[in-house]
Amino acid sequence: MSKIEFSPQQKEQIITKLQKFMSTELDLELGQFDADFLVDFISKEMGSLYYNQGLYDAQAVLVDRMDSLTDAIYQLEKS
């Protein structure tokens, strides 16, 4: 699997949300460098878990849609 990368704008949004969360929920001020480092760590160490779960969810939706399509095709059969 290739490395999970974000655009500079996406990464800035993630960093801002992380800083806000740490401040609000943990009463901890997280500087720009530390937040950037933490985002890189989370992406590297846990990103694949979230990515894979997204794939599994997409696959489940696709299987459901294919089942519906198969049912629709069977309904078109002539006796």
PDB file of N, CA and C in Angstrom:
ATOM      1  N   MET A   1       0.851  -1.181   0.000  1.00  0.00           N
ATOM      2  CA  MET A   1       0.000   0.000   0.000  1.00  0.00           C
ATOM      3  C   MET A   1       0.892   1.238   0.000  1.00  0.00           C
ATOM      4  N   SER A   2       0.488   2.225  -0.752  1.00  0.00           N
ATOM      5  CA  SER A   2       1.266   3.455  -0.801  1.00  0.00           C
ATOM      6  C   SER A   2       1.006   4.292   0.452  1.00  0.00           C
ATOM      7  N   LYS A   3       1.893   5.205   0.691  1.00  0.00           N
ATOM      8  CA  LYS A   3       1.807   6.083   1.851  1.00  0.00           C
ATOM      9  C   LYS A   3       0.566   6.967   1.751  1.00  0.00           C
ATOM     10  N   ILE A   4      -0.127   7.129   2.866  1.00  0.00           N
ATOM     11  CA  ILE A   4      -1.297   8.005   2.905  1.00  0.00           C
ATOM     12  C   ILE A   4      -0.797   9.439   3.013  1.00  0.00           C
ATOM     13  N   GLU A   5      -1.185  10.256   2.047  1.00  0.00           N
ATOM     14  CA  GLU A   5      -0.754  11.646   2.028  1.00  0.00           C
ATOM     15  C   GLU A   5      -1.955  12.560   1.879  1.00  0.00           C
ATOM     16  N   PHE A   6      -1.841  13.729   2.459  1.00  0.00           N
ATOM     17  CA  PHE A   6      -2.885  14.741   2.388  1.00  0.00           C
ATOM     18  C   PHE A   6      -2.332  15.979   1.699  1.00  0.00           C
ATOM     19  N   SER A   7      -3.225  16.716   1.058  1.00  0.00           N
ATOM     20  CA  SER A   7      -2.807  17.993   0.480  1.00  0.00           C
ATOM     21  C   SER A   7      -2.446  18.932   1.632  1.00  0.00           C
ATOM     22  N   PRO A   8      -1.677  19.976   1.344  1.00  0.00           N
ATOM     23  CA  PRO A   8      -1.348  20.932   2.417  1.00  0.00           C
ATOM     24  C   PRO A   8      -2.598  21.517   3.093  1.00  0.00           C
ATOM     25  N   GLN A   9      -3.645  21.760   2.323  1.00  0.00           N
ATOM     26  CA  GLN A   9      -4.873  22.305   2.889  1.00  0.00           C
ATOM     27  C   GLN A   9      -5.555  21.279   3.805  1.00  0.00           C
ATOM     28  N   GLN A  10      -5.594  20.025   3.365  1.00  0.00           N
ATOM     29  CA  GLN A  10      -6.202  18.980   4.186  1.00  0.00           C
ATOM     30  C   GLN A  10      -5.413  18.787   5.482  1.00  0.00           C
ATOM     31  N   LYS A  11      -4.096  18.761   5.356  1.00  0.00           N
ATOM     32  CA  LYS A  11      -3.265  18.559   6.540  1.00  0.00           C
ATOM     33  C   LYS A  11      -3.450  19.713   7.522  1.00  0.00           C
ATOM     34  N   GLU A  12      -3.548  20.927   7.021  1.00  0.00           N
ATOM     35  CA  GLU A  12      -3.763  22.084   7.887  1.00  0.00           C
ATOM     36  C   GLU A  12      -5.103  21.965   8.619  1.00  0.00           C
ATOM     37  N   GLN A  13      -6.130  21.501   7.916  1.00  0.00           N
ATOM     38  CA  GLN A  13      -7.436  21.298   8.557  1.00  0.00           C
ATOM     39  C   GLN A  13      -7.346  20.245   9.646  1.00  0.00           C
ATOM     40  N   ILE A  14      -6.642  19.160   9.373  1.00  0.00           N
ATOM     41  CA  ILE A  14      -6.494  18.098  10.366  1.00  0.00           C
ATOM     42  C   ILE A  14      -5.742  18.617  11.587  1.00  0.00           C
ATOM     43  N   ILE A  15      -4.673  19.341  11.354  1.00  0.00           N
ATOM     44  CA  ILE A  15      -3.877  19.898  12.447  1.00  0.00           C
ATOM     45  C   ILE A  15      -4.718  20.854  13.287  1.00  0.00           C
ATOM     46  N   THR A  16      -5.473  21.714  12.630  1.00  0.00           N
ATOM     47  CA  THR A  16      -6.326  22.659  13.350  1.00  0.00           C
ATOM     48  C   THR A  16      -7.359  21.931  14.209  1.00  0.00           C
ATOM     49  N   LYS A  17      -7.990  20.900  13.642  1.00  0.00           N
ATOM     50  CA  LYS A  17      -8.978  20.123  14.396  1.00  0.00           C
ATOM     51  C   LYS A  17      -8.330  19.401  15.562  1.00  0.00           C
ATOM     52  N   LEU A  18      -7.137  18.866  15.353  1.00  0.00           N
ATOM     53  CA  LEU A  18      -6.426  18.175  16.424  1.00  0.00           C
ATOM     54  C   LEU A  18      -6.061  19.147  17.548  1.00  0.00           C
ATOM     55  N   GLN A  19      -5.558  20.308  17.185  1.00  0.00           N
ATOM     56  CA  GLN A  19      -5.221  21.315  18.191  1.00  0.00           C
ATOM     57  C   GLN A  19      -6.456  21.738  18.984  1.00  0.00           C
ATOM     58  N   LYS A  20      -7.570  21.937  18.286  1.00  0.00           N
ATOM     59  CA  LYS A  20      -8.813  22.339  18.961  1.00  0.00           C
ATOM     60  C   LYS A  20      -9.288  21.233  19.902  1.00  0.00           C
ATOM     61  N   PHE A  21      -9.233  19.985  19.442  1.00  0.00           N
ATOM     62  CA  PHE A  21      -9.645  18.859  20.275  1.00  0.00           C
ATOM     63  C   PHE A  21      -8.778  18.769  21.527  1.00  0.00           C
ATOM     64  N   MET A  22      -7.472  18.834  21.349  1.00  0.00           N
ATOM     65  CA  MET A  22      -6.553  18.725  22.492  1.00  0.00           C
ATOM     66  C   MET A  22      -6.788  19.840  23.493  1.00  0.00           C
ATOM     67  N   SER A  23      -7.065  21.031  22.985  1.00  0.00           N
ATOM     68  CA  SER A  23      -7.310  22.173  23.864  1.00  0.00           C
ATOM     69  C   SER A  23      -8.636  22.039  24.599  1.00  0.00           C
ATOM     70  N   THR A  24      -9.682  21.697  23.869  1.00  0.00           N
ATOM     71  CA  THR A  24     -11.031  21.628  24.433  1.00  0.00           C
ATOM     72  C   THR A  24     -11.207  20.432  25.359  1.00  0.00           C
ATOM     73  N   GLU A  25     -10.807  19.270  24.888  1.00  0.00           N
ATOM     74  CA  GLU A  25     -11.076  18.030  25.619  1.00  0.00           C
ATOM     75  C   GLU A  25     -10.015  17.685  26.664  1.00  0.00           C
ATOM     76  N   LEU A  26      -8.771  18.044  26.410  1.00  0.00           N
ATOM     77  CA  LEU A  26      -7.688  17.647  27.305  1.00  0.00           C
ATOM     78  C   LEU A  26      -7.004  18.818  27.981  1.00  0.00           C
ATOM     79  N   ASP A  27      -7.472  20.019  27.667  1.00  0.00           N
ATOM     80  CA  ASP A  27      -6.873  21.239  28.232  1.00  0.00           C
ATOM     81  C   ASP A  27      -5.354  21.246  28.021  1.00  0.00           C
ATOM     82  N   LEU A  28      -4.968  20.909  26.786  1.00  0.00           N
ATOM     83  CA  LEU A  28      -3.565  20.818  26.428  1.00  0.00           C
ATOM     84  C   LEU A  28      -3.329  21.627  25.162  1.00  0.00           C
ATOM     85  N   GLU A  29      -2.408  22.567  25.238  1.00  0.00           N
ATOM     86  CA  GLU A  29      -2.067  23.366  24.061  1.00  0.00           C
ATOM     87  C   GLU A  29      -1.023  22.611  23.242  1.00  0.00           C
ATOM     88  N   LEU A  30      -1.357  22.364  21.995  1.00  0.00           N
ATOM     89  CA  LEU A  30      -0.477  21.617  21.105  1.00  0.00           C
ATOM     90  C   LEU A  30       0.030  22.570  20.029  1.00  0.00           C
ATOM     91  N   GLY A  31       1.335  22.763  19.989  1.00  0.00           N
ATOM     92  CA  GLY A  31       1.934  23.654  19.009  1.00  0.00           C
ATOM     93  C   GLY A  31       1.864  23.083  17.602  1.00  0.00           C
ATOM     94  N   GLN A  32       2.145  23.933  16.616  1.00  0.00           N
ATOM     95  CA  GLN A  32       2.074  23.556  15.216  1.00  0.00           C
ATOM     96  C   GLN A  32       3.004  22.381  14.896  1.00  0.00           C
ATOM     97  N   PHE A  33       4.233  22.448  15.364  1.00  0.00           N
ATOM     98  CA  PHE A  33       5.206  21.388  15.085  1.00  0.00           C
ATOM     99  C   PHE A  33       4.757  20.064  15.702  1.00  0.00           C
ATOM    100  N   ASP A  34       4.345  20.108  16.965  1.00  0.00           N
ATOM    101  CA  ASP A  34       3.909  18.887  17.644  1.00  0.00           C
ATOM    102  C   ASP A  34       2.657  18.308  16.998  1.00  0.00           C
ATOM    103  N   ALA A  35       1.731  19.158  16.615  1.00  0.00           N
ATOM    104  CA  ALA A  35       0.508  18.688  15.964  1.00  0.00           C
ATOM    105  C   ALA A  35       0.831  18.065  14.610  1.00  0.00           C
ATOM    106  N   ASP A  36       1.726  18.684  13.861  1.00  0.00           N
ATOM    107  CA  ASP A  36       2.151  18.155  12.565  1.00  0.00           C
ATOM    108  C   ASP A  36       2.795  16.777  12.748  1.00  0.00           C
ATOM    109  N   PHE A  37       3.668  16.668  13.735  1.00  0.00           N
ATOM    110  CA  PHE A  37       4.333  15.408  14.035  1.00  0.00           C
ATOM    111  C   PHE A  37       3.316  14.338  14.425  1.00  0.00           C
ATOM    112  N   LEU A  38       2.331  14.704  15.245  1.00  0.00           N
ATOM    113  CA  LEU A  38       1.307  13.753  15.687  1.00  0.00           C
ATOM    114  C   LEU A  38       0.428  13.295  14.527  1.00  0.00           C
ATOM    115  N   VAL A  39       0.065  14.202  13.647  1.00  0.00           N
ATOM    116  CA  VAL A  39      -0.725  13.840  12.464  1.00  0.00           C
ATOM    117  C   VAL A  39       0.059  12.861  11.586  1.00  0.00           C
ATOM    118  N   ASP A  40       1.345  13.111  11.399  1.00  0.00           N
ATOM    119  CA  ASP A  40       2.176  12.196  10.605  1.00  0.00           C
ATOM    120  C   ASP A  40       2.247  10.819  11.264  1.00  0.00           C
ATOM    121  N   PHE A  41       2.400  10.809  12.582  1.00  0.00           N
ATOM    122  CA  PHE A  41       2.464   9.532  13.309  1.00  0.00           C
ATOM    123  C   PHE A  41       1.159   8.757  13.177  1.00  0.00           C
ATOM    124  N   ILE A  42       0.038   9.425  13.403  1.00  0.00           N
ATOM    125  CA  ILE A  42      -1.272   8.764  13.314  1.00  0.00           C
ATOM    126  C   ILE A  42      -1.506   8.250  11.892  1.00  0.00           C
ATOM    127  N   SER A  43      -1.175   9.055  10.910  1.00  0.00           N
ATOM    128  CA  SER A  43      -1.352   8.640   9.514  1.00  0.00           C
ATOM    129  C   SER A  43      -0.515   7.406   9.202  1.00  0.00           C
ATOM    130  N   LYS A  44       0.730   7.413   9.645  1.00  0.00           N
ATOM    131  CA  LYS A  44       1.635   6.310   9.350  1.00  0.00           C
ATOM    132  C   LYS A  44       1.243   5.043  10.107  1.00  0.00           C
ATOM    133  N   GLU A  45       0.948   5.172  11.377  1.00  0.00           N
ATOM    134  CA  GLU A  45       0.736   4.000  12.226  1.00  0.00           C
ATOM    135  C   GLU A  45      -0.705   3.486  12.223  1.00  0.00           C
ATOM    136  N   MET A  46      -1.684   4.364  11.994  1.00  0.00           N
ATOM    137  CA  MET A  46      -3.081   3.945  12.081  1.00  0.00           C
ATOM    138  C   MET A  46      -3.883   4.223  10.820  1.00  0.00           C
ATOM    139  N   GLY A  47      -3.327   4.980   9.908  1.00  0.00           N
ATOM    140  CA  GLY A  47      -4.055   5.360   8.699  1.00  0.00           C
ATOM    141  C   GLY A  47      -4.534   4.166   7.901  1.00  0.00           C
ATOM    142  N   SER A  48      -3.719   3.123   7.830  1.00  0.00           N
ATOM    143  CA  SER A  48      -4.108   1.956   7.045  1.00  0.00           C
ATOM    144  C   SER A  48      -5.334   1.264   7.631  1.00  0.00           C
ATOM    145  N   LEU A  49      -5.493   1.321   8.940  1.00  0.00           N
ATOM    146  CA  LEU A  49      -6.674   0.719   9.570  1.00  0.00           C
ATOM    147  C   LEU A  49      -7.949   1.434   9.124  1.00  0.00           C
ATOM    148  N   TYR A  50      -7.912   2.754   9.122  1.00  0.00           N
ATOM    149  CA  TYR A  50      -9.072   3.536   8.676  1.00  0.00           C
ATOM    150  C   TYR A  50      -9.307   3.357   7.174  1.00  0.00           C
ATOM    151  N   TYR A  51      -8.231   3.348   6.430  1.00  0.00           N
ATOM    152  CA  TYR A  51      -8.317   3.162   4.985  1.00  0.00           C
ATOM    153  C   TYR A  51      -8.955   1.812   4.656  1.00  0.00           C
ATOM    154  N   ASN A  52      -8.457   0.765   5.301  1.00  0.00           N
ATOM    155  CA  ASN A  52      -8.996  -0.577   5.057  1.00  0.00           C
ATOM    156  C   ASN A  52     -10.457  -0.671   5.454  1.00  0.00           C
ATOM    157  N   GLN A  53     -10.829  -0.060   6.571  1.00  0.00           N
ATOM    158  CA  GLN A  53     -12.238  -0.078   6.987  1.00  0.00           C
ATOM    159  C   GLN A  53     -13.107   0.613   5.945  1.00  0.00           C
ATOM    160  N   GLY A  54     -12.607   1.684   5.369  1.00  0.00           N
ATOM    161  CA  GLY A  54     -13.335   2.358   4.290  1.00  0.00           C
ATOM    162  C   GLY A  54     -13.516   1.443   3.085  1.00  0.00           C
ATOM    163  N   LEU A  55     -12.479   0.672   2.771  1.00  0.00           N
ATOM    164  CA  LEU A  55     -12.591  -0.293   1.675  1.00  0.00           C
ATOM    165  C   LEU A  55     -13.628  -1.365   1.981  1.00  0.00           C
ATOM    166  N   TYR A  56     -13.613  -1.871   3.221  1.00  0.00           N
ATOM    167  CA  TYR A  56     -14.596  -2.897   3.608  1.00  0.00           C
ATOM    168  C   TYR A  56     -16.012  -2.352   3.535  1.00  0.00           C
ATOM    169  N   ASP A  57     -16.191  -1.113   3.985  1.00  0.00           N
ATOM    170  CA  ASP A  57     -17.513  -0.486   3.924  1.00  0.00           C
ATOM    171  C   ASP A  57     -17.966  -0.308   2.484  1.00  0.00           C
ATOM    172  N   ALA A  58     -17.059   0.134   1.620  1.00  0.00           N
ATOM    173  CA  ALA A  58     -17.393   0.308   0.203  1.00  0.00           C
ATOM    174  C   ALA A  58     -17.717  -1.038  -0.435  1.00  0.00           C
ATOM    175  N   GLN A  59     -16.964  -2.062  -0.074  1.00  0.00           N
ATOM    176  CA  GLN A  59     -17.212  -3.390  -0.617  1.00  0.00           C
ATOM    177  C   GLN A  59     -18.585  -3.904  -0.181  1.00  0.00           C
ATOM    178  N   ALA A  60     -18.974  -3.653   1.071  1.00  0.00           N
ATOM    179  CA  ALA A  60     -20.286  -4.086   1.562  1.00  0.00           C
ATOM    180  C   ALA A  60     -21.405  -3.392   0.798  1.00  0.00           C
ATOM    181  N   VAL A  61     -21.237  -2.105   0.517  1.00  0.00           N
ATOM    182  CA  VAL A  61     -22.233  -1.369  -0.261  1.00  0.00           C
ATOM    183  C   VAL A  61     -22.317  -1.939  -1.670  1.00  0.00           C
ATOM    184  N   LEU A  62     -21.170  -2.218  -2.261  1.00  0.00           N
ATOM    185  CA  LEU A  62     -21.136  -2.767  -3.619  1.00  0.00           C
ATOM    186  C   LEU A  62     -21.814  -4.139  -3.670  1.00  0.00           C
ATOM    187  N   VAL A  63     -21.555  -4.996  -2.706  1.00  0.00           N
ATOM    188  CA  VAL A  63     -22.186  -6.312  -2.664  1.00  0.00           C
ATOM    189  C   VAL A  63     -23.697  -6.163  -2.540  1.00  0.00           C
ATOM    190  N   ASP A  64     -24.137  -5.240  -1.688  1.00  0.00           N
ATOM    191  CA  ASP A  64     -25.574  -4.995  -1.522  1.00  0.00           C
ATOM    192  C   ASP A  64     -26.205  -4.527  -2.830  1.00  0.00           C
ATOM    193  N   ARG A  65     -25.540  -3.611  -3.515  1.00  0.00           N
ATOM    194  CA  ARG A  65     -26.054  -3.109  -4.797  1.00  0.00           C
ATOM    195  C   ARG A  65     -26.065  -4.204  -5.857  1.00  0.00           C
ATOM    196  N   MET A  66     -25.038  -5.037  -5.874  1.00  0.00           N
ATOM    197  CA  MET A  66     -24.991  -6.133  -6.842  1.00  0.00           C
ATOM    198  C   MET A  66     -26.113  -7.132  -6.568  1.00  0.00           C
ATOM    199  N   ASP A  67     -26.403  -7.392  -5.289  1.00  0.00           N
ATOM    200  CA  ASP A  67     -27.518  -8.282  -4.947  1.00  0.00           C
ATOM    201  C   ASP A  67     -28.837  -7.701  -5.446  1.00  0.00           C
ATOM    202  N   SER A  68     -29.010  -6.400  -5.272  1.00  0.00           N
ATOM    203  CA  SER A  68     -30.224  -5.741  -5.757  1.00  0.00           C
ATOM    204  C   SER A  68     -30.322  -5.830  -7.278  1.00  0.00           C
ATOM    205  N   LEU A  69     -29.204  -5.629  -7.947  1.00  0.00           N
ATOM    206  CA  LEU A  69     -29.175  -5.708  -9.407  1.00  0.00           C
ATOM    207  C   LEU A  69     -29.480  -7.134  -9.877  1.00  0.00           C
ATOM    208  N   THR A  70     -28.912  -8.113  -9.204  1.00  0.00           N
ATOM    209  CA  THR A  70     -29.185  -9.511  -9.541  1.00  0.00           C
ATOM    210  C   THR A  70     -30.665  -9.828  -9.375  1.00  0.00           C
ATOM    211  N   ASP A  71     -31.266  -9.357  -8.285  1.00  0.00           N
ATOM    212  CA  ASP A  71     -32.705  -9.550  -8.068  1.00  0.00           C
ATOM    213  C   ASP A  71     -33.525  -8.897  -9.173  1.00  0.00           C
ATOM    214  N   ALA A  72     -33.139  -7.705  -9.578  1.00  0.00           N
ATOM    215  CA  ALA A  72     -33.862  -6.997 -10.630  1.00  0.00           C
ATOM    216  C   ALA A  72     -33.779  -7.765 -11.955  1.00  0.00           C
ATOM    217  N   ILE A  73     -32.629  -8.341 -12.233  1.00  0.00           N
ATOM    218  CA  ILE A  73     -32.470  -9.105 -13.471  1.00  0.00           C
ATOM    219  C   ILE A  73     -33.333 -10.363 -13.423  1.00  0.00           C
ATOM    220  N   TYR A  74     -33.379 -11.047 -12.289  1.00  0.00           N
ATOM    221  CA  TYR A  74     -34.230 -12.237 -12.158  1.00  0.00           C
ATOM    222  C   TYR A  74     -35.705 -11.888 -12.350  1.00  0.00           C
ATOM    223  N   GLN A  75     -36.095 -10.704 -11.930  1.00  0.00           N
ATOM    224  CA  GLN A  75     -37.502 -10.294 -12.084  1.00  0.00           C
ATOM    225  C   GLN A  75     -37.851 -10.058 -13.559  1.00  0.00           C
ATOM    226  N   LEU A  76     -36.867  -9.832 -14.386  1.00  0.00           N
ATOM    227  CA  LEU A  76     -37.115  -9.625 -15.821  1.00  0.00           C
ATOM    228  C   LEU A  76     -37.287 -10.932 -16.587  1.00  0.00           C
ATOM    229  N   GLU A  77     -36.954 -12.044 -15.952  1.00  0.00           N
ATOM    230  CA  GLU A  77     -37.063 -13.321 -16.649  1.00  0.00           C
ATOM    231  C   GLU A  77     -38.512 -13.620 -17.028  1.00  0.00           C
ATOM    232  N   LYS A  78     -38.655 -14.240 -18.163  1.00  0.00           N
ATOM    233  CA  LYS A  78     -39.984 -14.643 -18.667  1.00  0.00           C
ATOM    234  C   LYS A  78     -40.209 -16.100 -18.289  1.00  0.00           C
ATOM    235  N   SER A  79     -41.447 -16.437 -17.999  1.00  0.00           N
ATOM    236  CA  SER A  79     -41.754 -17.837 -17.672  1.00  0.00           C
ATOM    237  C   SER A  79     -42.063 -18.635 -18.908  1.00  0.00           C
TER     238      SER A  79
END
